[in-house]
Amino acid sequence: MLEVTMFLDEDDLHQDKRMDEYIMRYLMHHGIMGASVFPAVMGYGQKHHLHHTKGIGTVDEGPIMILFVDDEEKVRGVLPHIKEVIKGGLIVAKRVERL
């Protein structure tokens, strides 16, 4: 099995849709076993620009993490498109064992 983690900004878009929603629908459409979106309180990326939640209901490009897992063949089948649409985020993958 392969687990993929993506780090993005909450306001990232693809075709006028939130990137996290686009990716989740894409993964569901392709039958990926499971996926989750996690909001972060604070984070930064390669450019070292700090992104954080400012308070209740207000966000400065809040960081989010999307995680999904499935058999390696299925994951490798969806990765090319995901890498194409995510321009500024980070994508990492690792082998995992289902217990």
Protein backbone atom coordinates (compact mmCIF):
# COMPACT_ATOMS: atom_id res chain seq x y z
CA MET A 1 0.00 0.00 0.00
CA LEU A 2 1.03 3.58 -0.61
CA GLU A 3 0.08 6.62 1.49
CA VAL A 4 0.21 10.07 -0.09
CA THR A 5 0.23 13.31 1.87
CA MET A 6 -0.28 16.68 0.20
CA PHE A 7 0.35 20.06 1.81
CA LEU A 8 -1.56 23.01 0.32
CA ASP A 9 -3.08 26.35 1.20
CA GLU A 10 -6.77 26.40 1.99
CA ASP A 11 -7.43 29.00 -0.71
CA ASP A 12 -5.74 27.03 -3.54
CA LEU A 13 -8.14 26.62 -6.46
CA HIS A 14 -8.57 24.41 -9.50
CA GLN A 15 -11.09 25.53 -12.13
CA ASP A 16 -12.76 27.93 -9.64
CA LYS A 17 -13.23 25.14 -7.06
CA ARG A 18 -11.39 24.67 -3.79
CA MET A 19 -8.43 22.40 -4.48
CA ASP A 20 -9.14 20.13 -1.51
CA GLU A 21 -12.71 19.50 -2.67
CA TYR A 22 -11.56 18.95 -6.26
CA ILE A 23 -8.95 16.41 -5.16
CA MET A 24 -11.34 14.57 -2.83
CA ARG A 25 -13.94 14.24 -5.61
CA TYR A 26 -11.21 13.13 -8.05
CA LEU A 27 -10.04 10.43 -5.62
CA MET A 28 -13.61 9.23 -4.98
CA HIS A 29 -14.28 9.11 -8.73
CA HIS A 30 -11.20 6.91 -9.19
CA GLY A 31 -12.17 4.54 -6.39
CA ILE A 32 -9.37 5.36 -3.97
CA MET A 33 -9.85 3.43 -0.71
CA GLY A 34 -9.81 6.38 1.66
CA ALA A 35 -8.86 10.04 1.94
CA SER A 36 -9.10 12.84 4.51
CA VAL A 37 -8.51 16.59 4.63
CA PHE A 38 -6.96 18.06 7.78
CA PRO A 39 -6.84 21.80 8.54
CA ALA A 40 -3.72 23.02 10.30
CA VAL A 41 -3.41 25.73 12.92
CA MET A 42 -0.15 26.95 11.44
CA GLY A 43 2.44 26.01 8.83
CA TYR A 44 4.95 27.16 6.23
CA GLY A 45 6.41 25.80 3.03
CA GLN A 46 9.46 26.14 0.85
CA LYS A 47 9.13 29.95 0.64
CA HIS A 48 9.04 30.20 4.46
CA HIS A 49 5.86 32.30 4.48
CA LEU A 50 4.00 31.55 7.71
CA HIS A 51 0.34 30.65 7.18
CA HIS A 52 -1.97 30.46 10.17
CA THR A 53 -5.51 30.65 11.43
CA LYS A 54 -6.03 34.17 12.77
CA GLY A 55 -9.00 33.37 14.94
CA ILE A 56 -12.52 32.07 14.85
CA GLY A 57 -13.86 32.38 11.33
CA THR A 58 -10.86 34.22 9.85
CA VAL A 59 -8.01 32.58 7.98
CA ASP A 60 -4.83 33.78 6.24
CA GLU A 61 -4.51 31.11 3.55
CA GLY A 62 -4.76 28.44 6.22
CA PRO A 63 -2.58 25.40 5.58
CA ILE A 64 -4.29 22.06 4.92
CA MET A 65 -3.11 18.50 4.53
CA ILE A 66 -4.77 15.88 2.34
CA LEU A 67 -3.94 12.25 3.00
CA PHE A 68 -5.01 9.22 0.96
CA VAL A 69 -4.09 5.55 0.86
CA ASP A 70 -4.66 2.57 -1.44
CA ASP A 71 -2.82 -0.19 -3.27
CA GLU A 72 0.33 1.14 -4.90
CA GLU A 73 -0.94 0.55 -8.45
CA LYS A 74 -4.12 2.60 -7.86
CA VAL A 75 -2.21 5.41 -6.14
CA ARG A 76 0.36 5.60 -8.93
CA GLY A 77 -2.55 5.75 -11.40
CA VAL A 78 -3.96 8.98 -9.91
CA LEU A 79 -0.68 10.72 -9.01
CA PRO A 80 0.17 12.11 -12.46
CA HIS A 81 -3.03 14.19 -12.58
CA ILE A 82 -2.68 15.31 -8.97
CA LYS A 83 0.91 16.45 -9.60
CA GLU A 84 -0.36 18.33 -12.67
CA VAL A 85 -3.03 20.32 -10.78
CA ILE A 86 -1.07 21.04 -7.57
CA LYS A 87 1.36 23.75 -8.58
CA GLY A 88 2.65 25.16 -5.29
CA GLY A 89 2.10 22.44 -2.73
CA LEU A 90 4.21 19.55 -1.58
CA ILE A 91 3.33 15.91 -2.29
CA VAL A 92 5.04 13.03 -0.47
CA ALA A 93 4.43 9.28 -0.61
CA LYS A 94 5.47 6.36 1.55
CA ARG A 95 4.81 2.64 1.69
CA VAL A 96 2.55 1.58 4.55
CA GLU A 97 1.27 -1.70 5.89
CA ARG A 98 -2.39 -2.40 6.55
CA LEU A 99 -2.79 -4.06 9.94
